[in-house]
Structures are given as structure tokens and as C-alpha cells.
Amino acid sequence: VPCAKIDQPEIDFIGEHAADCADWRVETVCEKTIPAFSLKIANSE
């Protein structure tokens, strides 16, 4: 939902970030043969 369609709060936003990610990109794993971990999703998740 675009922000323009949401009633925005009245608040004094802070510009300072607690941390900064230099690069959000994550490469894909080249070798997908044997998984390091696996599970079947059930209700507890």
C-alpha cells in the first residue's frame, strides 16, 4: 500500500540512523546441492 494512501502520523522524524547498511544486495548461493538446514512449516511457526 503506497504511503500516500495511509493517514500519516504527526511526528518529528529523526534523520540519524542507528546503523547503515553499505549494500542491501545479497548474492545467490552458487551450489544448491545439500541444504545446511531444512524444515516443513507447521502451526508453531
All heavy atoms as atom14 arrays in JSON, in Angstrom:
{
  "sequence": "VPCAKIDQPEIDFIGEHAADCADWRVETVCEKTIPAFSLKIANSE",
  "atom14_mask": [
    [1, 1, 1, 1, 1, 1, 1, 0, 0, 0, 0, 0, 0, 0],
    [1, 1, 1, 1, 1, 1, 1, 0, 0, 0, 0, 0, 0, 0],
    [1, 1, 1, 1, 1, 1, 0, 0, 0, 0, 0, 0, 0, 0],
    [1, 1, 1, 1, 1, 0, 0, 0, 0, 0, 0, 0, 0, 0],
    [1, 1, 1, 1, 1, 1, 1, 1, 1, 0, 0, 0, 0, 0],
    [1, 1, 1, 1, 1, 1, 1, 1, 0, 0, 0, 0, 0, 0],
    [1, 1, 1, 1, 1, 1, 1, 1, 0, 0, 0, 0, 0, 0],
    [1, 1, 1, 1, 1, 1, 1, 1, 1, 0, 0, 0, 0, 0],
    [1, 1, 1, 1, 1, 1, 1, 0, 0, 0, 0, 0, 0, 0],
    [1, 1, 1, 1, 1, 1, 1, 1, 1, 0, 0, 0, 0, 0],
    [1, 1, 1, 1, 1, 1, 1, 1, 0, 0, 0, 0, 0, 0],
    [1, 1, 1, 1, 1, 1, 1, 1, 0, 0, 0, 0, 0, 0],
    [1, 1, 1, 1, 1, 1, 1, 1, 1, 1, 1, 0, 0, 0],
    [1, 1, 1, 1, 1, 1, 1, 1, 0, 0, 0, 0, 0, 0],
    [1, 1, 1, 1, 0, 0, 0, 0, 0, 0, 0, 0, 0, 0],
    [1, 1, 1, 1, 1, 1, 1, 1, 1, 0, 0, 0, 0, 0],
    [1, 1, 1, 1, 1, 1, 1, 1, 1, 1, 0, 0, 0, 0],
    [1, 1, 1, 1, 1, 0, 0, 0, 0, 0, 0, 0, 0, 0],
    [1, 1, 1, 1, 1, 0, 0, 0, 0, 0, 0, 0, 0, 0],
    [1, 1, 1, 1, 1, 1, 1, 1, 0, 0, 0, 0, 0, 0],
    [1, 1, 1, 1, 1, 1, 0, 0, 0, 0, 0, 0, 0, 0],
    [1, 1, 1, 1, 1, 0, 0, 0, 0, 0, 0, 0, 0, 0],
    [1, 1, 1, 1, 1, 1, 1, 1, 0, 0, 0, 0, 0, 0],
    [1, 1, 1, 1, 1, 1, 1, 1, 1, 1, 1, 1, 1, 1],
    [1, 1, 1, 1, 1, 1, 1, 1, 1, 1, 1, 0, 0, 0],
    [1, 1, 1, 1, 1, 1, 1, 0, 0, 0, 0, 0, 0, 0],
    [1, 1, 1, 1, 1, 1, 1, 1, 1, 0, 0, 0, 0, 0],
    [1, 1, 1, 1, 1, 1, 1, 0, 0, 0, 0, 0, 0, 0],
    [1, 1, 1, 1, 1, 1, 1, 0, 0, 0, 0, 0, 0, 0],
    [1, 1, 1, 1, 1, 1, 0, 0, 0, 0, 0, 0, 0, 0],
    [1, 1, 1, 1, 1, 1, 1, 1, 1, 0, 0, 0, 0, 0],
    [1, 1, 1, 1, 1, 1, 1, 1, 1, 0, 0, 0, 0, 0],
    [1, 1, 1, 1, 1, 1, 1, 0, 0, 0, 0, 0, 0, 0],
    [1, 1, 1, 1, 1, 1, 1, 1, 0, 0, 0, 0, 0, 0],
    [1, 1, 1, 1, 1, 1, 1, 0, 0, 0, 0, 0, 0, 0],
    [1, 1, 1, 1, 1, 0, 0, 0, 0, 0, 0, 0, 0, 0],
    [1, 1, 1, 1, 1, 1, 1, 1, 1, 1, 1, 0, 0, 0],
    [1, 1, 1, 1, 1, 1, 0, 0, 0, 0, 0, 0, 0, 0],
    [1, 1, 1, 1, 1, 1, 1, 1, 0, 0, 0, 0, 0, 0],
    [1, 1, 1, 1, 1, 1, 1, 1, 1, 0, 0, 0, 0, 0],
    [1, 1, 1, 1, 1, 1, 1, 1, 0, 0, 0, 0, 0, 0],
    [1, 1, 1, 1, 1, 0, 0, 0, 0, 0, 0, 0, 0, 0],
    [1, 1, 1, 1, 1, 1, 1, 1, 0, 0, 0, 0, 0, 0],
    [1, 1, 1, 1, 1, 1, 0, 0, 0, 0, 0, 0, 0, 0],
    [1, 1, 1, 1, 1, 1, 1, 1, 1, 0, 0, 0, 0, 0]
  ],
  "atom14_positions": [
    [[0.86, -1.19, 0.0], [0.0, 0.0, 0.0], [0.9, 1.24, 0.0], [1.73, 1.4, 0.91], [-0.91, 0.02, 1.24], [-1.8, 1.26, 1.21], [-1.76, -1.25, 1.31], [0.0, 0.0, 0.0], [0.0, 0.0, 0.0], [0.0, 0.0, 0.0], [0.0, 0.0, 0.0], [0.0, 0.0, 0.0], [0.0, 0.0, 0.0], [0.0, 0.0, 0.0]],
    [[0.8, 2.12, -0.98], [1.62, 3.33, -1.0], [1.39, 4.19, 0.24], [0.28, 4.24, 0.78], [1.16, 4.06, -2.27], [0.52, 3.0, -3.12], [-0.09, 2.02, -2.16], [0.0, 0.0, 0.0], [0.0, 0.0, 0.0], [0.0, 0.0, 0.0], [0.0, 0.0, 0.0], [0.0, 0.0, 0.0], [0.0, 0.0, 0.0], [0.0, 0.0, 0.0]],
    [[2.44, 4.88, 0.67], [2.33, 5.73, 1.86], [1.26, 6.8, 1.68], [0.63, 7.22, 2.66], [3.68, 6.37, 2.16], [4.98, 5.19, 2.59], [0.0, 0.0, 0.0], [0.0, 0.0, 0.0], [0.0, 0.0, 0.0], [0.0, 0.0, 0.0], [0.0, 0.0, 0.0], [0.0, 0.0, 0.0], [0.0, 0.0, 0.0], [0.0, 0.0, 0.0]],
    [[1.07, 7.26, 0.45], [0.09, 8.31, 0.18], [-1.33, 7.88, 0.51], [-2.21, 8.73, 0.71], [0.18, 8.75, -1.28], [0.0, 0.0, 0.0], [0.0, 0.0, 0.0], [0.0, 0.0, 0.0], [0.0, 0.0, 0.0], [0.0, 0.0, 0.0], [0.0, 0.0, 0.0], [0.0, 0.0, 0.0], [0.0, 0.0, 0.0], [0.0, 0.0, 0.0]],
    [[-1.58, 6.58, 0.57], [-2.91, 6.07, 0.87], [-3.1, 5.76, 2.36], [-4.14, 5.24, 2.75], [-3.2, 4.82, 0.03], [-3.3, 5.1, -1.46], [-3.75, 3.87, -2.23], [-3.95, 4.19, -3.71], [-4.43, 3.01, -4.47], [0.0, 0.0, 0.0], [0.0, 0.0, 0.0], [0.0, 0.0, 0.0], [0.0, 0.0, 0.0], [0.0, 0.0, 0.0]],
    [[-2.09, 6.08, 3.16], [-2.14, 5.84, 4.6], [-2.16, 7.19, 5.31], [-1.41, 8.11, 4.96], [-0.9, 5.05, 5.08], [-0.77, 3.72, 4.32], [-0.96, 4.8, 6.57], [-1.83, 2.7, 4.62], [0.0, 0.0, 0.0], [0.0, 0.0, 0.0], [0.0, 0.0, 0.0], [0.0, 0.0, 0.0], [0.0, 0.0, 0.0], [0.0, 0.0, 0.0]],
    [[-3.02, 7.32, 6.32], [-3.02, 8.53, 7.14], [-1.73, 8.57, 7.95], [-1.52, 7.75, 8.85], [-4.22, 8.55, 8.07], [-5.54, 8.71, 7.33], [-5.53, 9.31, 6.25], [-6.57, 8.22, 7.84], [0.0, 0.0, 0.0], [0.0, 0.0, 0.0], [0.0, 0.0, 0.0], [0.0, 0.0, 0.0], [0.0, 0.0, 0.0], [0.0, 0.0, 0.0]],
    [[-0.83, 9.51, 7.62], [0.47, 9.57, 8.25], [0.39, 10.25, 9.62], [-0.41, 11.16, 9.83], [1.45, 10.31, 7.36], [1.72, 9.62, 6.02], [2.26, 8.21, 6.21], [3.18, 7.98, 7.0], [1.68, 7.25, 5.49], [0.0, 0.0, 0.0], [0.0, 0.0, 0.0], [0.0, 0.0, 0.0], [0.0, 0.0, 0.0], [0.0, 0.0, 0.0]],
    [[1.21, 9.8, 10.57], [1.17, 10.35, 11.92], [1.78, 11.74, 11.98], [2.61, 12.12, 11.14], [2.02, 9.36, 12.72], [2.99, 8.82, 11.71], [2.21, 8.72, 10.43], [0.0, 0.0, 0.0], [0.0, 0.0, 0.0], [0.0, 0.0, 0.0], [0.0, 0.0, 0.0], [0.0, 0.0, 0.0], [0.0, 0.0, 0.0], [0.0, 0.0, 0.0]],
    [[1.37, 12.49, 13.0], [2.02, 13.77, 13.3], [3.18, 13.46, 14.24], [2.99, 13.06, 15.39], [1.03, 14.73, 13.96], [1.62, 16.11, 14.21], [0.65, 17.05, 14.88], [-0.53, 16.67, 15.05], [1.07, 18.16, 15.26], [0.0, 0.0, 0.0], [0.0, 0.0, 0.0], [0.0, 0.0, 0.0], [0.0, 0.0, 0.0], [0.0, 0.0, 0.0]],
    [[4.4, 13.63, 13.73], [5.59, 13.23, 14.49], [6.8, 13.97, 13.94], [6.85, 14.29, 12.75], [5.79, 11.69, 14.39], [6.94, 11.23, 15.28], [6.01, 11.27, 12.94], [7.07, 9.71, 15.35], [0.0, 0.0, 0.0], [0.0, 0.0, 0.0], [0.0, 0.0, 0.0], [0.0, 0.0, 0.0], [0.0, 0.0, 0.0], [0.0, 0.0, 0.0]],
    [[7.75, 14.28, 14.81], [9.0, 14.9, 14.39], [10.0, 13.78, 14.09], [10.61, 13.21, 15.0], [9.55, 15.8, 15.49], [8.66, 17.01, 15.73], [8.07, 17.51, 14.76], [8.56, 17.44, 16.91], [0.0, 0.0, 0.0], [0.0, 0.0, 0.0], [0.0, 0.0, 0.0], [0.0, 0.0, 0.0], [0.0, 0.0, 0.0], [0.0, 0.0, 0.0]],
    [[10.14, 13.44, 12.82], [11.01, 12.34, 12.43], [12.48, 12.66, 12.72], [12.91, 13.81, 12.62], [10.84, 12.01, 10.95], [9.53, 11.37, 10.61], [8.53, 12.09, 9.97], [9.29, 10.04, 10.92], [7.32, 11.51, 9.64], [8.08, 9.44, 10.6], [7.09, 10.18, 9.97], [0.0, 0.0, 0.0], [0.0, 0.0, 0.0], [0.0, 0.0, 0.0]],
    [[13.24, 11.63, 13.04], [14.67, 11.75, 13.33], [15.45, 11.24, 12.12], [15.16, 10.16, 11.59], [15.04, 10.94, 14.59], [14.3, 11.53, 15.8], [16.55, 10.94, 14.82], [14.47, 10.71, 17.07], [0.0, 0.0, 0.0], [0.0, 0.0, 0.0], [0.0, 0.0, 0.0], [0.0, 0.0, 0.0], [0.0, 0.0, 0.0], [0.0, 0.0, 0.0]],
    [[16.42, 12.0, 11.68], [17.19, 11.61, 10.5], [18.3, 10.62, 10.78], [18.66, 9.81, 9.93], [0.0, 0.0, 0.0], [0.0, 0.0, 0.0], [0.0, 0.0, 0.0], [0.0, 0.0, 0.0], [0.0, 0.0, 0.0], [0.0, 0.0, 0.0], [0.0, 0.0, 0.0], [0.0, 0.0, 0.0], [0.0, 0.0, 0.0], [0.0, 0.0, 0.0]],
    [[18.87, 10.65, 11.99], [20.03, 9.81, 12.31], [19.66, 8.32, 12.31], [18.67, 7.91, 12.93], [20.57, 10.2, 13.68], [21.77, 9.37, 14.12], [22.2, 9.67, 15.55], [21.53, 10.51, 16.2], [23.17, 9.06, 16.01], [0.0, 0.0, 0.0], [0.0, 0.0, 0.0], [0.0, 0.0, 0.0], [0.0, 0.0, 0.0], [0.0, 0.0, 0.0]],
    [[20.47, 7.52, 11.63], [20.29, 6.07, 11.61], [21.15, 5.44, 12.71], [22.29, 5.85, 12.93], [20.71, 5.49, 10.27], [19.83, 5.91, 9.13], [20.04, 5.5, 7.83], [18.74, 6.7, 9.08], [19.13, 6.02, 7.04], [18.32, 6.76, 7.78], [0.0, 0.0, 0.0], [0.0, 0.0, 0.0], [0.0, 0.0, 0.0], [0.0, 0.0, 0.0]],
    [[20.6, 4.43, 13.37], [21.39, 3.71, 14.37], [22.51, 2.91, 13.71], [23.58, 2.7, 14.3], [20.48, 2.77, 15.18], [0.0, 0.0, 0.0], [0.0, 0.0, 0.0], [0.0, 0.0, 0.0], [0.0, 0.0, 0.0], [0.0, 0.0, 0.0], [0.0, 0.0, 0.0], [0.0, 0.0, 0.0], [0.0, 0.0, 0.0], [0.0, 0.0, 0.0]],
    [[22.27, 2.44, 12.49], [23.27, 1.68, 11.72], [22.97, 1.92, 10.25], [21.84, 2.27, 9.89], [23.21, 0.2, 12.05], [0.0, 0.0, 0.0], [0.0, 0.0, 0.0], [0.0, 0.0, 0.0], [0.0, 0.0, 0.0], [0.0, 0.0, 0.0], [0.0, 0.0, 0.0], [0.0, 0.0, 0.0], [0.0, 0.0, 0.0], [0.0, 0.0, 0.0]],
    [[23.97, 1.74, 9.43], [23.78, 1.91, 7.98], [24.31, 0.7, 7.25], [25.45, 0.28, 7.48], [24.48, 3.17, 7.47], [23.66, 4.42, 7.74], [22.5, 4.47, 7.31], [24.19, 5.35, 8.4], [0.0, 0.0, 0.0], [0.0, 0.0, 0.0], [0.0, 0.0, 0.0], [0.0, 0.0, 0.0], [0.0, 0.0, 0.0], [0.0, 0.0, 0.0]],
    [[23.49, 0.16, 6.38], [23.91, -0.98, 5.56], [24.57, -0.44, 4.3], [23.95, 0.3, 3.53], [22.7, -1.84, 5.2], [23.13, -3.34, 4.32], [0.0, 0.0, 0.0], [0.0, 0.0, 0.0], [0.0, 0.0, 0.0], [0.0, 0.0, 0.0], [0.0, 0.0, 0.0], [0.0, 0.0, 0.0], [0.0, 0.0, 0.0], [0.0, 0.0, 0.0]],
    [[25.82, -0.79, 4.08], [26.57, -0.27, 2.93], [25.99, -0.78, 1.62], [26.03, -0.08, 0.6], [28.04, -0.66, 3.05], [0.0, 0.0, 0.0], [0.0, 0.0, 0.0], [0.0, 0.0, 0.0], [0.0, 0.0, 0.0], [0.0, 0.0, 0.0], [0.0, 0.0, 0.0], [0.0, 0.0, 0.0], [0.0, 0.0, 0.0], [0.0, 0.0, 0.0]],
    [[25.45, -1.99, 1.62], [24.94, -2.58, 0.38], [23.84, -3.58, 0.74], [24.11, -4.6, 1.37], [26.07, -3.28, -0.39], [25.64, -3.76, -1.77], [24.45, -3.62, -2.11], [26.5, -4.28, -2.5], [0.0, 0.0, 0.0], [0.0, 0.0, 0.0], [0.0, 0.0, 0.0], [0.0, 0.0, 0.0], [0.0, 0.0, 0.0], [0.0, 0.0, 0.0]],
    [[22.6, -3.31, 0.33], [21.49, -4.19, 0.66], [21.49, -5.46, -0.2], [20.78, -6.41, 0.09], [20.16, -3.46, 0.48], [19.79, -2.52, 1.6], [19.75, -1.17, 1.54], [19.41, -2.87, 2.94], [19.35, -0.65, 2.76], [19.14, -1.67, 3.63], [19.27, -4.08, 3.61], [18.73, -1.64, 4.96], [18.86, -4.06, 4.94], [18.59, -2.85, 5.6]],
    [[22.26, -5.47, -1.26], [22.22, -6.62, -2.16], [22.81, -7.86, -1.49], [23.79, -7.78, -0.77], [23.0, -6.33, -3.45], [22.38, -5.27, -4.34], [23.28, -4.97, -5.51], [24.58, -4.47, -5.07], [25.61, -4.23, -5.87], [25.5, -4.46, -7.17], [26.75, -3.76, -5.39], [0.0, 0.0, 0.0], [0.0, 0.0, 0.0], [0.0, 0.0, 0.0]],
    [[22.19, -9.01, -1.75], [22.71, -10.3, -1.28], [22.82, -11.23, -2.48], [21.83, -11.46, -3.18], [21.8, -10.94, -0.21], [22.36, -12.29, 0.22], [21.67, -10.02, 1.0], [0.0, 0.0, 0.0], [0.0, 0.0, 0.0], [0.0, 0.0, 0.0], [0.0, 0.0, 0.0], [0.0, 0.0, 0.0], [0.0, 0.0, 0.0], [0.0, 0.0, 0.0]],
    [[24.02, -11.74, -2.71], [24.22, -12.64, -3.84], [23.51, -13.97, -3.6], [23.2, -14.34, -2.47], [25.72, -12.88, -4.05], [26.55, -11.63, -4.28], [26.97, -10.95, -2.98], [26.55, -11.41, -1.9], [27.68, -9.94, -3.07], [0.0, 0.0, 0.0], [0.0, 0.0, 0.0], [0.0, 0.0, 0.0], [0.0, 0.0, 0.0], [0.0, 0.0, 0.0]],
    [[23.24, -14.69, -4.69], [22.65, -16.02, -4.55], [23.74, -17.06, -4.29], [24.89, -16.89, -4.7], [21.87, -16.41, -5.81], [22.75, -16.38, -6.94], [20.72, -15.45, -6.06], [0.0, 0.0, 0.0], [0.0, 0.0, 0.0], [0.0, 0.0, 0.0], [0.0, 0.0, 0.0], [0.0, 0.0, 0.0], [0.0, 0.0, 0.0], [0.0, 0.0, 0.0]],
    [[23.38, -18.11, -3.6], [24.31, -19.21, -3.33], [24.51, -20.0, -4.63], [23.55, -20.36, -5.3], [23.76, -20.13, -2.23], [24.65, -21.35, -2.04], [23.63, -19.35, -0.91], [0.0, 0.0, 0.0], [0.0, 0.0, 0.0], [0.0, 0.0, 0.0], [0.0, 0.0, 0.0], [0.0, 0.0, 0.0], [0.0, 0.0, 0.0], [0.0, 0.0, 0.0]],
    [[25.77, -20.23, -4.97], [26.08, -20.89, -6.25], [25.72, -22.37, -6.24], [25.08, -22.87, -7.16], [27.56, -20.71, -6.58], [28.02, -19.0, -6.9], [0.0, 0.0, 0.0], [0.0, 0.0, 0.0], [0.0, 0.0, 0.0], [0.0, 0.0, 0.0], [0.0, 0.0, 0.0], [0.0, 0.0, 0.0], [0.0, 0.0, 0.0], [0.0, 0.0, 0.0]],
    [[26.14, -23.08, -5.19], [25.94, -24.53, -5.12], [24.76, -24.86, -4.21], [24.86, -24.76, -2.99], [27.21, -25.22, -4.63], [28.4, -25.1, -5.56], [28.19, -25.86, -6.87], [27.45, -26.86, -6.86], [28.76, -25.44, -7.89], [0.0, 0.0, 0.0], [0.0, 0.0, 0.0], [0.0, 0.0, 0.0], [0.0, 0.0, 0.0], [0.0, 0.0, 0.0]],
    [[23.64, -25.25, -4.82], [22.46, -25.63, -4.03], [22.25, -27.13, -4.17], [21.33, -27.59, -4.84], [21.23, -24.86, -4.5], [21.32, -23.35, -4.34], [20.01, -22.69, -4.71], [20.1, -21.18, -4.67], [20.95, -20.64, -5.75], [0.0, 0.0, 0.0], [0.0, 0.0, 0.0], [0.0, 0.0, 0.0], [0.0, 0.0, 0.0], [0.0, 0.0, 0.0]],
    [[23.12, -27.9, -3.54], [23.03, -29.36, -3.62], [22.47, -29.94, -2.33], [21.37, -30.5, -2.31], [24.41, -29.96, -3.93], [25.37, -29.44, -3.0], [24.84, -29.62, -5.35], [0.0, 0.0, 0.0], [0.0, 0.0, 0.0], [0.0, 0.0, 0.0], [0.0, 0.0, 0.0], [0.0, 0.0, 0.0], [0.0, 0.0, 0.0], [0.0, 0.0, 0.0]],
    [[23.2, -29.76, -1.23], [22.75, -30.28, 0.07], [22.45, -29.1, 0.98], [23.32, -28.28, 1.25], [23.82, -31.17, 0.71], [24.16, -32.35, -0.2], [23.36, -31.67, 2.08], [25.3, -33.2, 0.3], [0.0, 0.0, 0.0], [0.0, 0.0, 0.0], [0.0, 0.0, 0.0], [0.0, 0.0, 0.0], [0.0, 0.0, 0.0], [0.0, 0.0, 0.0]],
    [[21.21, -28.97, 1.45], [20.88, -27.84, 2.32], [21.59, -27.94, 3.66], [21.81, -29.03, 4.19], [19.36, -27.93, 2.48], [19.03, -29.35, 2.19], [20.03, -29.82, 1.18], [0.0, 0.0, 0.0], [0.0, 0.0, 0.0], [0.0, 0.0, 0.0], [0.0, 0.0, 0.0], [0.0, 0.0, 0.0], [0.0, 0.0, 0.0], [0.0, 0.0, 0.0]],
    [[21.95, -26.78, 4.21], [22.57, -26.73, 5.53], [21.53, -26.92, 6.63], [21.85, -27.34, 7.74], [23.31, -25.42, 5.72], [0.0, 0.0, 0.0], [0.0, 0.0, 0.0], [0.0, 0.0, 0.0], [0.0, 0.0, 0.0], [0.0, 0.0, 0.0], [0.0, 0.0, 0.0], [0.0, 0.0, 0.0], [0.0, 0.0, 0.0], [0.0, 0.0, 0.0]],
    [[20.26, -26.6, 6.3], [19.16, -26.77, 7.24], [17.86, -26.81, 6.45], [17.74, -26.14, 5.41], [19.11, -25.62, 8.26], [17.93, -25.65, 9.18], [17.86, -26.59, 10.19], [16.88, -24.76, 9.05], [16.77, -26.66, 11.05], [15.79, -24.8, 9.89], [15.73, -25.76, 10.89], [0.0, 0.0, 0.0], [0.0, 0.0, 0.0], [0.0, 0.0, 0.0]],
    [[16.9, -27.6, 6.92], [15.6, -27.65, 6.26], [14.51, -27.96, 7.27], [14.78, -28.51, 8.36], [15.59, -28.7, 5.14], [15.82, -29.99, 5.67], [0.0, 0.0, 0.0], [0.0, 0.0, 0.0], [0.0, 0.0, 0.0], [0.0, 0.0, 0.0], [0.0, 0.0, 0.0], [0.0, 0.0, 0.0], [0.0, 0.0, 0.0], [0.0, 0.0, 0.0]],
    [[13.28, -27.61, 6.93], [12.15, -27.93, 7.79], [10.85, -27.81, 7.0], [10.8, -27.16, 5.95], [12.07, -27.01, 9.01], [11.44, -25.61, 8.83], [11.05, -25.05, 10.19], [12.37, -24.67, 8.1], [0.0, 0.0, 0.0], [0.0, 0.0, 0.0], [0.0, 0.0, 0.0], [0.0, 0.0, 0.0], [0.0, 0.0, 0.0], [0.0, 0.0, 0.0]],
    [[9.8, -28.48, 7.52], [8.46, -28.36, 6.98], [7.66, -27.47, 7.92], [7.59, -27.74, 9.13], [7.79, -29.74, 6.86], [6.41, -29.7, 6.23], [5.84, -31.11, 6.09], [4.46, -31.1, 5.45], [3.9, -32.47, 5.31], [0.0, 0.0, 0.0], [0.0, 0.0, 0.0], [0.0, 0.0, 0.0], [0.0, 0.0, 0.0], [0.0, 0.0, 0.0]],
    [[7.04, -26.42, 7.4], [6.36, -25.44, 8.23], [5.1, -26.03, 8.85], [4.29, -26.67, 8.18], [6.0, -24.19, 7.41], [7.26, -23.53, 6.85], [5.21, -23.2, 8.26], [8.27, -23.14, 7.9], [0.0, 0.0, 0.0], [0.0, 0.0, 0.0], [0.0, 0.0, 0.0], [0.0, 0.0, 0.0], [0.0, 0.0, 0.0], [0.0, 0.0, 0.0]],
    [[4.96, -25.8, 10.15], [3.76, -26.21, 10.9], [3.24, -25.01, 11.67], [3.81, -23.91, 11.63], [4.09, -27.38, 11.84], [0.0, 0.0, 0.0], [0.0, 0.0, 0.0], [0.0, 0.0, 0.0], [0.0, 0.0, 0.0], [0.0, 0.0, 0.0], [0.0, 0.0, 0.0], [0.0, 0.0, 0.0], [0.0, 0.0, 0.0], [0.0, 0.0, 0.0]],
    [[2.17, -25.21, 12.41], [1.46, -24.08, 13.05], [2.31, -23.29, 14.03], [2.09, -22.1, 14.22], [0.19, -24.58, 13.73], [0.53, -25.44, 14.95], [0.77, -24.94, 16.03], [0.54, -26.76, 14.76], [0.0, 0.0, 0.0], [0.0, 0.0, 0.0], [0.0, 0.0, 0.0], [0.0, 0.0, 0.0], [0.0, 0.0, 0.0], [0.0, 0.0, 0.0]],
    [[3.3, -23.92, 14.67], [4.09, -23.21, 15.68], [4.97, -22.11, 15.09], [5.5, -21.28, 15.83], [4.96, -24.2, 16.46], [5.89, -24.84, 15.6], [0.0, 0.0, 0.0], [0.0, 0.0, 0.0], [0.0, 0.0, 0.0], [0.0, 0.0, 0.0], [0.0, 0.0, 0.0], [0.0, 0.0, 0.0], [0.0, 0.0, 0.0], [0.0, 0.0, 0.0]],
    [[5.13, -22.1, 13.78], [5.94, -21.08, 13.13], [5.12, -19.83, 12.79], [5.68, -18.82, 12.37], [6.56, -21.62, 11.83], [7.25, -22.97, 11.96], [8.38, -22.94, 12.98], [9.27, -22.11, 12.86], [8.35, -23.77, 13.92], [0.0, 0.0, 0.0], [0.0, 0.0, 0.0], [0.0, 0.0, 0.0], [0.0, 0.0, 0.0], [0.0, 0.0, 0.0]]
  ]
}
